[in-house]
Amino acid sequence: MLLSLVLDRAVFGGVKPRVSFREAAIRSVFFVLVGLLFSVYVWVREDAASAVTYLLAYVVEESLSVDNLFVFLVLFTYFKVSESQQQRVLVWGIVGAIIMRAIFIFLGSALLHRFHFMIFVFGGFLLFTGAKLLVRKEEEVDPEDNIALKLARRYLRTTKEMHGDHFFVVKDGVRYATPLFLVLIVVEFTDLLFAVDSVPAVLAISNDVFVVYTSNIMAILGLRALYFVLAGMMSRFHYLGTGLAIILIFIGAKMVASPFYHLSSLHSLVVIGVVLGASVTASLLRKKED
């Protein structure tokens, strides 16, 4: 994981004024290939079944992440964050996400091992979340309603204007947080809420902490590049939310039914792949005037 980040930085460099679509696409393909090839290591380290389970968890986490990127796009647009600033926020956002995923996954796994009935709690939560997402209407996301942003503005000294790529500035000996730091707080808070959905989803797939955590991190590593690929296309994915809702309901049902019926990871991977493919295809075929 660290090697892929170092190689990415060595080949493409650090934060740039602008990331072209071509470069973002190449970076995305690179991280997807790294994520997929890591399944070979899982196969060698454990077995073929674990490798398939890893791929299933990776696909679920990657697909759920796309919905999260839409919130980031709205947030960056609202605060008029430049592309270089977006890259800086996303880098630190990914670092925070890696730490939070570790905490959530280890806690969730410990709960499942200690209290077996938690499998029904997690499964029921996924069913509820999926059903809620399925009936949700498309509505505007207002960053000003974010509780993290309200608390940050209340308890932090902040400037009204951006100061380049800086999160903090010092004026008259007093340290102030810039709007860019507020954006970072909202990104981290959004990912925290997102982890509440995604972590139970991957724990429903496997209780192997190694498989669950590595699949999460591999999916997260490519989010920065994936964001710049999808930024201009997100409005086209009208039916992606429906597809993600069906996936959450499917995984929740699989988790609740696991004590009575076991569905293999390979079959689950096929189901999720078909749902994702159908939702993306339907979105791209939908006429713009519709």
C-alpha atoms as a PDB file:
ATOM      1  CA  MET A   1       0.000   0.000   0.000  1.00  0.00           C
ATOM      2  CA  LEU A   2       2.776   2.393   0.947  1.00  0.00           C
ATOM      3  CA  LEU A   3       4.756   1.303  -2.112  1.00  0.00           C
ATOM      4  CA  SER A   4       1.833   2.167  -4.420  1.00  0.00           C
ATOM      5  CA  LEU A   5       1.587   5.668  -2.887  1.00  0.00           C
ATOM      6  CA  VAL A   6       5.346   6.218  -3.214  1.00  0.00           C
ATOM      7  CA  LEU A   7       5.294   5.009  -6.841  1.00  0.00           C
ATOM      8  CA  ASP A   8       2.307   7.228  -7.614  1.00  0.00           C
ATOM      9  CA  ARG A   9       4.103  10.268  -6.212  1.00  0.00           C
ATOM     10  CA  ALA A  10       7.375   9.392  -7.969  1.00  0.00           C
ATOM     11  CA  VAL A  11       5.705   8.994 -11.387  1.00  0.00           C
ATOM     12  CA  PHE A  12       3.036  11.704 -11.272  1.00  0.00           C
ATOM     13  CA  GLY A  13       4.528  14.091  -8.721  1.00  0.00           C
ATOM     14  CA  GLY A  14       2.838  15.832  -5.812  1.00  0.00           C
ATOM     15  CA  VAL A  15       0.054  18.407  -5.731  1.00  0.00           C
ATOM     16  CA  LYS A  16      -0.376  20.166  -9.074  1.00  0.00           C
ATOM     17  CA  PRO A  17      -2.289  23.306 -10.141  1.00  0.00           C
ATOM     18  CA  ARG A  18      -4.486  21.124 -12.324  1.00  0.00           C
ATOM     19  CA  VAL A  19      -4.990  17.402 -12.933  1.00  0.00           C
ATOM     20  CA  SER A  20      -5.893  16.505 -16.517  1.00  0.00           C
ATOM     21  CA  PHE A  21      -8.567  13.896 -17.222  1.00  0.00           C
ATOM     22  CA  ARG A  22      -5.962  11.697 -18.934  1.00  0.00           C
ATOM     23  CA  GLU A  23      -3.623  11.756 -15.932  1.00  0.00           C
ATOM     24  CA  ALA A  24      -6.479  11.140 -13.487  1.00  0.00           C
ATOM     25  CA  ALA A  25      -7.673   8.204 -15.614  1.00  0.00           C
ATOM     26  CA  ILE A  26      -4.166   6.678 -15.737  1.00  0.00           C
ATOM     27  CA  ARG A  27      -3.817   7.081 -11.966  1.00  0.00           C
ATOM     28  CA  SER A  28      -7.219   5.477 -11.400  1.00  0.00           C
ATOM     29  CA  VAL A  29      -6.337   2.504 -13.615  1.00  0.00           C
ATOM     30  CA  PHE A  30      -3.018   2.173 -11.777  1.00  0.00           C
ATOM     31  CA  PHE A  31      -4.667   1.990  -8.338  1.00  0.00           C
ATOM     32  CA  VAL A  32      -7.406  -0.344  -9.572  1.00  0.00           C
ATOM     33  CA  LEU A  33      -4.741  -2.692 -10.976  1.00  0.00           C
ATOM     34  CA  VAL A  34      -2.835  -2.522  -7.679  1.00  0.00           C
ATOM     35  CA  GLY A  35      -6.050  -3.312  -5.807  1.00  0.00           C
ATOM     36  CA  LEU A  36      -6.886  -6.247  -8.086  1.00  0.00           C
ATOM     37  CA  LEU A  37      -3.339  -7.624  -8.127  1.00  0.00           C
ATOM     38  CA  PHE A  38      -3.281  -7.560  -4.328  1.00  0.00           C
ATOM     39  CA  SER A  39      -5.835 -10.381  -4.490  1.00  0.00           C
ATOM     40  CA  VAL A  40      -3.002 -12.569  -5.847  1.00  0.00           C
ATOM     41  CA  TYR A  41      -1.039 -11.873  -2.663  1.00  0.00           C
ATOM     42  CA  VAL A  42      -4.125 -12.748  -0.593  1.00  0.00           C
ATOM     43  CA  TRP A  43      -4.410 -16.000  -2.566  1.00  0.00           C
ATOM     44  CA  VAL A  44      -0.775 -16.887  -1.848  1.00  0.00           C
ATOM     45  CA  ARG A  45      -0.956 -15.775   1.796  1.00  0.00           C
ATOM     46  CA  GLU A  46      -4.256 -17.488   2.565  1.00  0.00           C
ATOM     47  CA  ASP A  47      -6.239 -19.312  -0.144  1.00  0.00           C
ATOM     48  CA  ALA A  48      -8.363 -18.868  -3.276  1.00  0.00           C
ATOM     49  CA  ALA A  49     -11.584 -18.397  -1.280  1.00  0.00           C
ATOM     50  CA  SER A  50     -10.016 -15.516   0.667  1.00  0.00           C
ATOM     51  CA  ALA A  51      -8.859 -13.933  -2.602  1.00  0.00           C
ATOM     52  CA  VAL A  52     -12.418 -14.014  -4.006  1.00  0.00           C
ATOM     53  CA  THR A  53     -13.740 -12.607  -0.711  1.00  0.00           C
ATOM     54  CA  TYR A  54     -11.159  -9.812  -0.910  1.00  0.00           C
ATOM     55  CA  LEU A  55     -12.269  -8.968  -4.464  1.00  0.00           C
ATOM     56  CA  LEU A  56     -15.910  -8.888  -3.352  1.00  0.00           C
ATOM     57  CA  ALA A  57     -15.127  -6.556  -0.434  1.00  0.00           C
ATOM     58  CA  TYR A  58     -12.967  -4.383  -2.721  1.00  0.00           C
ATOM     59  CA  VAL A  59     -15.720  -4.008  -5.340  1.00  0.00           C
ATOM     60  CA  VAL A  60     -18.329  -3.167  -2.675  1.00  0.00           C
ATOM     61  CA  GLU A  61     -16.113  -0.547  -1.014  1.00  0.00           C
ATOM     62  CA  GLU A  62     -15.080   1.002  -4.341  1.00  0.00           C
ATOM     63  CA  SER A  63     -18.669   1.256  -5.576  1.00  0.00           C
ATOM     64  CA  LEU A  64     -19.948   2.736  -2.304  1.00  0.00           C
ATOM     65  CA  SER A  65     -17.133   5.285  -2.415  1.00  0.00           C
ATOM     66  CA  VAL A  66     -18.448   6.794  -5.646  1.00  0.00           C
ATOM     67  CA  ASP A  67     -21.584   8.026  -3.871  1.00  0.00           C
ATOM     68  CA  ASN A  68     -19.366   9.679  -1.284  1.00  0.00           C
ATOM     69  CA  LEU A  69     -17.406  11.527  -3.979  1.00  0.00           C
ATOM     70  CA  PHE A  70     -20.586  13.344  -5.027  1.00  0.00           C
ATOM     71  CA  VAL A  71     -20.739  15.006  -1.597  1.00  0.00           C
ATOM     72  CA  PHE A  72     -17.104  16.080  -1.980  1.00  0.00           C
ATOM     73  CA  LEU A  73     -17.892  17.614  -5.378  1.00  0.00           C
ATOM     74  CA  VAL A  74     -20.760  19.660  -3.919  1.00  0.00           C
ATOM     75  CA  LEU A  75     -18.563  20.757  -1.013  1.00  0.00           C
ATOM     76  CA  PHE A  76     -15.619  21.831  -3.209  1.00  0.00           C
ATOM     77  CA  THR A  77     -17.929  23.702  -5.570  1.00  0.00           C
ATOM     78  CA  TYR A  78     -19.691  25.499  -2.700  1.00  0.00           C
ATOM     79  CA  PHE A  79     -16.435  26.718  -1.141  1.00  0.00           C
ATOM     80  CA  LYS A  80     -14.852  27.443  -4.543  1.00  0.00           C
ATOM     81  CA  VAL A  81     -11.871  25.176  -3.806  1.00  0.00           C
ATOM     82  CA  SER A  82      -9.269  25.124  -6.584  1.00  0.00           C
ATOM     83  CA  GLU A  83      -7.980  21.837  -8.019  1.00  0.00           C
ATOM     84  CA  SER A  84      -4.629  22.091  -6.201  1.00  0.00           C
ATOM     85  CA  GLN A  85      -6.490  22.738  -2.942  1.00  0.00           C
ATOM     86  CA  GLN A  86      -8.826  19.807  -3.662  1.00  0.00           C
ATOM     87  CA  GLN A  87      -5.818  17.522  -4.069  1.00  0.00           C
ATOM     88  CA  ARG A  88      -4.386  18.653  -0.720  1.00  0.00           C
ATOM     89  CA  VAL A  89      -7.699  18.110   1.074  1.00  0.00           C
ATOM     90  CA  LEU A  90      -8.184  14.685  -0.525  1.00  0.00           C
ATOM     91  CA  VAL A  91      -4.666  13.554   0.468  1.00  0.00           C
ATOM     92  CA  TRP A  92      -5.289  14.378   4.126  1.00  0.00           C
ATOM     93  CA  GLY A  93      -8.827  13.040   3.830  1.00  0.00           C
ATOM     94  CA  ILE A  94      -7.460   9.674   2.685  1.00  0.00           C
ATOM     95  CA  VAL A  95      -5.009   9.597   5.626  1.00  0.00           C
ATOM     96  CA  GLY A  96      -7.887  10.232   8.026  1.00  0.00           C
ATOM     97  CA  ALA A  97     -10.035   7.610   6.286  1.00  0.00           C
ATOM     98  CA  ILE A  98      -7.298   4.959   6.652  1.00  0.00           C
ATOM     99  CA  ILE A  99      -7.086   5.622  10.408  1.00  0.00           C
ATOM    100  CA  MET A 100     -10.864   5.669  10.893  1.00  0.00           C
ATOM    101  CA  ARG A 101     -11.331   2.470   8.886  1.00  0.00           C
ATOM    102  CA  ALA A 102      -8.803   0.696  11.116  1.00  0.00           C
ATOM    103  CA  ILE A 103     -10.666   1.759  14.271  1.00  0.00           C
ATOM    104  CA  PHE A 104     -14.117   0.904  12.890  1.00  0.00           C
ATOM    105  CA  ILE A 105     -13.089  -2.451  11.419  1.00  0.00           C
ATOM    106  CA  PHE A 106     -11.272  -3.705  14.525  1.00  0.00           C
ATOM    107  CA  LEU A 107     -14.116  -2.574  16.802  1.00  0.00           C
ATOM    108  CA  GLY A 108     -16.756  -4.083  14.515  1.00  0.00           C
ATOM    109  CA  SER A 109     -14.861  -7.347  14.196  1.00  0.00           C
ATOM    110  CA  ALA A 110     -14.393  -7.538  17.971  1.00  0.00           C
ATOM    111  CA  LEU A 111     -18.135  -6.992  18.508  1.00  0.00           C
ATOM    112  CA  LEU A 112     -19.020  -9.745  16.038  1.00  0.00           C
ATOM    113  CA  HIS A 113     -16.617 -12.177  17.702  1.00  0.00           C
ATOM    114  CA  ARG A 114     -17.778 -11.376  21.241  1.00  0.00           C
ATOM    115  CA  PHE A 115     -21.498 -10.937  20.612  1.00  0.00           C
ATOM    116  CA  HIS A 116     -22.797 -13.190  17.847  1.00  0.00           C
ATOM    117  CA  PHE A 117     -26.211 -11.480  17.816  1.00  0.00           C
ATOM    118  CA  MET A 118     -24.489  -8.350  16.412  1.00  0.00           C
ATOM    119  CA  ILE A 119     -24.640 -10.068  13.036  1.00  0.00           C
ATOM    120  CA  PHE A 120     -28.393  -9.394  13.044  1.00  0.00           C
ATOM    121  CA  VAL A 121     -27.861  -5.809  14.249  1.00  0.00           C
ATOM    122  CA  PHE A 122     -25.371  -5.045  11.457  1.00  0.00           C
ATOM    123  CA  GLY A 123     -27.486  -6.867   8.884  1.00  0.00           C
ATOM    124  CA  GLY A 124     -30.643  -5.063   9.959  1.00  0.00           C
ATOM    125  CA  PHE A 125     -28.827  -1.731   9.797  1.00  0.00           C
ATOM    126  CA  LEU A 126     -27.724  -2.448   6.215  1.00  0.00           C
ATOM    127  CA  LEU A 127     -31.274  -3.422   5.248  1.00  0.00           C
ATOM    128  CA  PHE A 128     -32.589  -0.184   6.750  1.00  0.00           C
ATOM    129  CA  THR A 129     -29.901   1.947   5.102  1.00  0.00           C
ATOM    130  CA  GLY A 130     -30.440   0.285   1.724  1.00  0.00           C
ATOM    131  CA  ALA A 131     -34.226   0.719   1.912  1.00  0.00           C
ATOM    132  CA  LYS A 132     -33.807   4.359   2.923  1.00  0.00           C
ATOM    133  CA  LEU A 133     -31.418   4.969   0.014  1.00  0.00           C
ATOM    134  CA  LEU A 134     -33.786   3.201  -2.372  1.00  0.00           C
ATOM    135  CA  VAL A 135     -36.718   5.534  -1.633  1.00  0.00           C
ATOM    136  CA  ARG A 136     -34.595   8.661  -1.230  1.00  0.00           C
ATOM    137  CA  LYS A 137     -35.444  11.463  -3.607  1.00  0.00           C
ATOM    138  CA  GLU A 138     -32.741  13.430  -5.371  1.00  0.00           C
ATOM    139  CA  GLU A 139     -32.235  16.618  -3.417  1.00  0.00           C
ATOM    140  CA  GLU A 140     -29.624  19.338  -3.119  1.00  0.00           C
ATOM    141  CA  VAL A 141     -26.888  18.869  -0.530  1.00  0.00           C
ATOM    142  CA  ASP A 142     -26.415  22.039   1.527  1.00  0.00           C
ATOM    143  CA  PRO A 143     -22.951  22.164   3.155  1.00  0.00           C
ATOM    144  CA  GLU A 144     -24.176  24.825   5.580  1.00  0.00           C
ATOM    145  CA  ASP A 145     -26.408  22.211   7.220  1.00  0.00           C
ATOM    146  CA  ASN A 146     -23.404  20.055   8.099  1.00  0.00           C
ATOM    147  CA  ILE A 147     -23.090  19.781  11.888  1.00  0.00           C
ATOM    148  CA  ALA A 148     -19.290  19.461  11.728  1.00  0.00           C
ATOM    149  CA  LEU A 149     -19.057  22.749   9.831  1.00  0.00           C
ATOM    150  CA  LYS A 150     -21.326  24.505  12.345  1.00  0.00           C
ATOM    151  CA  LEU A 151     -19.295  23.251  15.317  1.00  0.00           C
ATOM    152  CA  ALA A 152     -15.986  24.174  13.667  1.00  0.00           C
ATOM    153  CA  ARG A 153     -17.159  27.713  12.988  1.00  0.00           C
ATOM    154  CA  ARG A 154     -18.427  28.008  16.522  1.00  0.00           C
ATOM    155  CA  TYR A 155     -15.270  26.894  18.321  1.00  0.00           C
ATOM    156  CA  LEU A 156     -12.473  27.826  15.895  1.00  0.00           C
ATOM    157  CA  ARG A 157     -11.087  31.207  14.893  1.00  0.00           C
ATOM    158  CA  THR A 158     -11.484  31.258  11.127  1.00  0.00           C
ATOM    159  CA  THR A 159     -10.689  33.585   8.264  1.00  0.00           C
ATOM    160  CA  LYS A 160     -13.251  34.470   5.617  1.00  0.00           C
ATOM    161  CA  GLU A 161     -10.850  34.115   2.716  1.00  0.00           C
ATOM    162  CA  MET A 162      -8.622  31.303   1.455  1.00  0.00           C
ATOM    163  CA  HIS A 163      -4.849  31.507   1.973  1.00  0.00           C
ATOM    164  CA  GLY A 164      -3.520  29.335  -0.808  1.00  0.00           C
ATOM    165  CA  ASP A 165      -3.104  25.694   0.231  1.00  0.00           C
ATOM    166  CA  HIS A 166      -2.715  26.530   3.930  1.00  0.00           C
ATOM    167  CA  PHE A 167      -5.007  25.091   6.582  1.00  0.00           C
ATOM    168  CA  PHE A 168      -3.875  27.659   9.174  1.00  0.00           C
ATOM    169  CA  VAL A 169      -2.481  31.209   9.105  1.00  0.00           C
ATOM    170  CA  VAL A 170      -1.099  33.463  11.837  1.00  0.00           C
ATOM    171  CA  LYS A 171      -2.356  37.047  12.121  1.00  0.00           C
ATOM    172  CA  ASP A 172      -1.039  39.388  14.823  1.00  0.00           C
ATOM    173  CA  GLY A 173       0.341  36.399  16.699  1.00  0.00           C
ATOM    174  CA  VAL A 174      -3.009  34.581  16.643  1.00  0.00           C
ATOM    175  CA  ARG A 175      -3.523  31.327  14.717  1.00  0.00           C
ATOM    176  CA  TYR A 176      -6.613  31.158  12.488  1.00  0.00           C
ATOM    177  CA  ALA A 177      -8.100  28.239  10.585  1.00  0.00           C
ATOM    178  CA  THR A 178      -8.752  28.905   6.906  1.00  0.00           C
ATOM    179  CA  PRO A 179     -11.907  27.864   5.006  1.00  0.00           C
ATOM    180  CA  LEU A 180      -9.775  25.083   3.489  1.00  0.00           C
ATOM    181  CA  PHE A 181      -9.407  23.531   6.961  1.00  0.00           C
ATOM    182  CA  LEU A 182     -13.186  23.733   7.406  1.00  0.00           C
ATOM    183  CA  VAL A 183     -13.569  21.847   4.133  1.00  0.00           C
ATOM    184  CA  LEU A 184     -11.160  19.178   5.417  1.00  0.00           C
ATOM    185  CA  ILE A 185     -13.211  18.824   8.624  1.00  0.00           C
ATOM    186  CA  VAL A 186     -16.416  18.305   6.636  1.00  0.00           C
ATOM    187  CA  VAL A 187     -14.674  15.773   4.348  1.00  0.00           C
ATOM    188  CA  GLU A 188     -13.450  13.785   7.366  1.00  0.00           C
ATOM    189  CA  PHE A 189     -16.857  13.972   9.034  1.00  0.00           C
ATOM    190  CA  THR A 190     -18.558  12.837   5.821  1.00  0.00           C
ATOM    191  CA  ASP A 191     -16.186   9.891   5.576  1.00  0.00           C
ATOM    192  CA  LEU A 192     -16.924   9.048   9.219  1.00  0.00           C
ATOM    193  CA  LEU A 193     -20.629   8.840   8.397  1.00  0.00           C
ATOM    194  CA  PHE A 194     -19.812   6.866   5.269  1.00  0.00           C
ATOM    195  CA  ALA A 195     -17.771   4.367   7.299  1.00  0.00           C
ATOM    196  CA  VAL A 196     -20.856   3.631   9.404  1.00  0.00           C
ATOM    197  CA  ASP A 197     -22.419   2.135   6.251  1.00  0.00           C
ATOM    198  CA  SER A 198     -19.396   0.689   4.473  1.00  0.00           C
ATOM    199  CA  VAL A 199     -17.688  -1.071   7.403  1.00  0.00           C
ATOM    200  CA  PRO A 200     -20.740  -3.208   8.319  1.00  0.00           C
ATOM    201  CA  ALA A 201     -21.096  -3.974   4.604  1.00  0.00           C
ATOM    202  CA  VAL A 202     -17.589  -5.434   4.318  1.00  0.00           C
ATOM    203  CA  LEU A 203     -17.849  -7.167   7.712  1.00  0.00           C
ATOM    204  CA  ALA A 204     -20.971  -8.845   6.332  1.00  0.00           C
ATOM    205  CA  ILE A 205     -18.786 -10.243   3.560  1.00  0.00           C
ATOM    206  CA  SER A 206     -15.975 -11.526   5.789  1.00  0.00           C
ATOM    207  CA  ASN A 207     -14.850 -11.497   9.417  1.00  0.00           C
ATOM    208  CA  ASP A 208     -11.209 -11.854   8.389  1.00  0.00           C
ATOM    209  CA  VAL A 209      -9.730  -8.531   9.577  1.00  0.00           C
ATOM    210  CA  PHE A 210      -6.804  -8.764   7.146  1.00  0.00           C
ATOM    211  CA  VAL A 211      -9.073  -9.211   4.127  1.00  0.00           C
ATOM    212  CA  VAL A 212     -11.564  -6.577   5.255  1.00  0.00           C
ATOM    213  CA  TYR A 213      -9.008  -3.903   6.107  1.00  0.00           C
ATOM    214  CA  THR A 214      -6.778  -4.373   3.053  1.00  0.00           C
ATOM    215  CA  SER A 215      -9.785  -4.314   0.687  1.00  0.00           C
ATOM    216  CA  ASN A 216     -10.949  -1.061   2.323  1.00  0.00           C
ATOM    217  CA  ILE A 217      -7.560   0.611   2.111  1.00  0.00           C
ATOM    218  CA  MET A 218      -6.918  -0.487  -1.478  1.00  0.00           C
ATOM    219  CA  ALA A 219     -10.272   0.989  -2.501  1.00  0.00           C
ATOM    220  CA  ILE A 220      -9.604   4.238  -0.610  1.00  0.00           C
ATOM    221  CA  LEU A 221      -6.100   4.780  -2.052  1.00  0.00           C
ATOM    222  CA  GLY A 222      -7.406   5.469  -5.545  1.00  0.00           C
ATOM    223  CA  LEU A 223     -10.203   7.819  -4.505  1.00  0.00           C
ATOM    224  CA  ARG A 224      -8.230  11.012  -5.151  1.00  0.00           C
ATOM    225  CA  ALA A 225      -7.596  10.091  -8.786  1.00  0.00           C
ATOM    226  CA  LEU A 226     -11.094   8.636  -9.203  1.00  0.00           C
ATOM    227  CA  TYR A 227     -12.619  11.904  -8.014  1.00  0.00           C
ATOM    228  CA  PHE A 228     -11.011  13.884 -10.841  1.00  0.00           C
ATOM    229  CA  VAL A 229     -12.138  11.249 -13.362  1.00  0.00           C
ATOM    230  CA  LEU A 230     -15.757  11.327 -12.215  1.00  0.00           C
ATOM    231  CA  ALA A 231     -16.026  15.032 -11.307  1.00  0.00           C
ATOM    232  CA  GLY A 232     -17.461  15.972 -14.683  1.00  0.00           C
ATOM    233  CA  MET A 233     -19.564  12.815 -15.039  1.00  0.00           C
ATOM    234  CA  MET A 234     -21.273  12.422 -11.660  1.00  0.00           C
ATOM    235  CA  SER A 235     -24.485  14.037 -12.854  1.00  0.00           C
ATOM    236  CA  ARG A 236     -24.797  11.205 -15.411  1.00  0.00           C
ATOM    237  CA  PHE A 237     -25.014   8.409 -12.820  1.00  0.00           C
ATOM    238  CA  HIS A 238     -28.736   8.827 -12.122  1.00  0.00           C
ATOM    239  CA  TYR A 239     -29.338   5.186 -11.240  1.00  0.00           C
ATOM    240  CA  LEU A 240     -26.151   4.525  -9.290  1.00  0.00           C
ATOM    241  CA  GLY A 241     -27.901   5.316  -6.002  1.00  0.00           C
ATOM    242  CA  THR A 242     -30.540   2.709  -6.805  1.00  0.00           C
ATOM    243  CA  GLY A 243     -27.853   0.150  -7.592  1.00  0.00           C
ATOM    244  CA  LEU A 244     -26.006   0.901  -4.336  1.00  0.00           C
ATOM    245  CA  ALA A 245     -29.271   0.608  -2.382  1.00  0.00           C
ATOM    246  CA  ILE A 246     -29.933  -2.835  -3.882  1.00  0.00           C
ATOM    247  CA  ILE A 247     -26.365  -3.888  -3.033  1.00  0.00           C
ATOM    248  CA  LEU A 248     -26.741  -2.789   0.603  1.00  0.00           C
ATOM    249  CA  ILE A 249     -30.074  -4.624   0.881  1.00  0.00           C
ATOM    250  CA  PHE A 250     -28.541  -7.739  -0.673  1.00  0.00           C
ATOM    251  CA  ILE A 251     -25.540  -7.687   1.691  1.00  0.00           C
ATOM    252  CA  GLY A 252     -27.776  -7.004   4.700  1.00  0.00           C
ATOM    253  CA  ALA A 253     -30.039  -9.915   3.781  1.00  0.00           C
ATOM    254  CA  LYS A 254     -26.985 -12.138   3.232  1.00  0.00           C
ATOM    255  CA  MET A 255     -25.667 -11.214   6.684  1.00  0.00           C
ATOM    256  CA  VAL A 256     -28.986 -11.815   8.476  1.00  0.00           C
ATOM    257  CA  ALA A 257     -29.461 -15.155   6.698  1.00  0.00           C
ATOM    258  CA  SER A 258     -25.841 -16.312   7.177  1.00  0.00           C
ATOM    259  CA  PRO A 259     -26.574 -18.476  10.281  1.00  0.00           C
ATOM    260  CA  PHE A 260     -29.141 -20.410   8.225  1.00  0.00           C
ATOM    261  CA  TYR A 261     -27.882 -20.213   4.636  1.00  0.00           C
ATOM    262  CA  HIS A 262     -24.402 -19.553   3.241  1.00  0.00           C
ATOM    263  CA  LEU A 263     -24.006 -17.844  -0.127  1.00  0.00           C
ATOM    264  CA  SER A 264     -20.489 -18.132  -1.515  1.00  0.00           C
ATOM    265  CA  SER A 265     -18.375 -15.030  -2.116  1.00  0.00           C
ATOM    266  CA  LEU A 266     -18.131 -15.907  -5.811  1.00  0.00           C
ATOM    267  CA  HIS A 267     -21.919 -15.902  -6.223  1.00  0.00           C
ATOM    268  CA  SER A 268     -22.157 -12.656  -4.257  1.00  0.00           C
ATOM    269  CA  LEU A 269     -19.491 -11.082  -6.477  1.00  0.00           C
ATOM    270  CA  VAL A 270     -21.507 -12.026  -9.590  1.00  0.00           C
ATOM    271  CA  VAL A 271     -24.733 -10.560  -8.148  1.00  0.00           C
ATOM    272  CA  ILE A 272     -23.071  -7.280  -7.150  1.00  0.00           C
ATOM    273  CA  GLY A 273     -21.249  -7.047 -10.483  1.00  0.00           C
ATOM    274  CA  VAL A 274     -24.524  -7.475 -12.397  1.00  0.00           C
ATOM    275  CA  VAL A 275     -26.304  -4.851 -10.258  1.00  0.00           C
ATOM    276  CA  LEU A 276     -23.488  -2.327 -10.662  1.00  0.00           C
ATOM    277  CA  GLY A 277     -23.184  -2.953 -14.378  1.00  0.00           C
ATOM    278  CA  ALA A 278     -26.938  -2.587 -14.895  1.00  0.00           C
ATOM    279  CA  SER A 279     -27.175   0.669 -12.900  1.00  0.00           C
ATOM    280  CA  VAL A 280     -24.202   2.268 -14.666  1.00  0.00           C
ATOM    281  CA  THR A 281     -25.385   1.122 -18.116  1.00  0.00           C
ATOM    282  CA  ALA A 282     -28.920   2.404 -17.488  1.00  0.00           C
ATOM    283  CA  SER A 283     -27.480   5.742 -16.324  1.00  0.00           C
ATOM    284  CA  LEU A 284     -25.329   6.170 -19.425  1.00  0.00           C
ATOM    285  CA  LEU A 285     -28.193   5.189 -21.769  1.00  0.00           C
ATOM    286  CA  ARG A 286     -30.616   7.621 -20.161  1.00  0.00           C
ATOM    287  CA  LYS A 287     -31.326  10.611 -22.364  1.00  0.00           C
ATOM    288  CA  LYS A 288     -30.129  13.976 -21.044  1.00  0.00           C
ATOM    289  CA  GLU A 289     -33.582  15.518 -21.400  1.00  0.00           C
ATOM    290  CA  ASP A 290     -34.961  12.769 -19.140  1.00  0.00           C
END
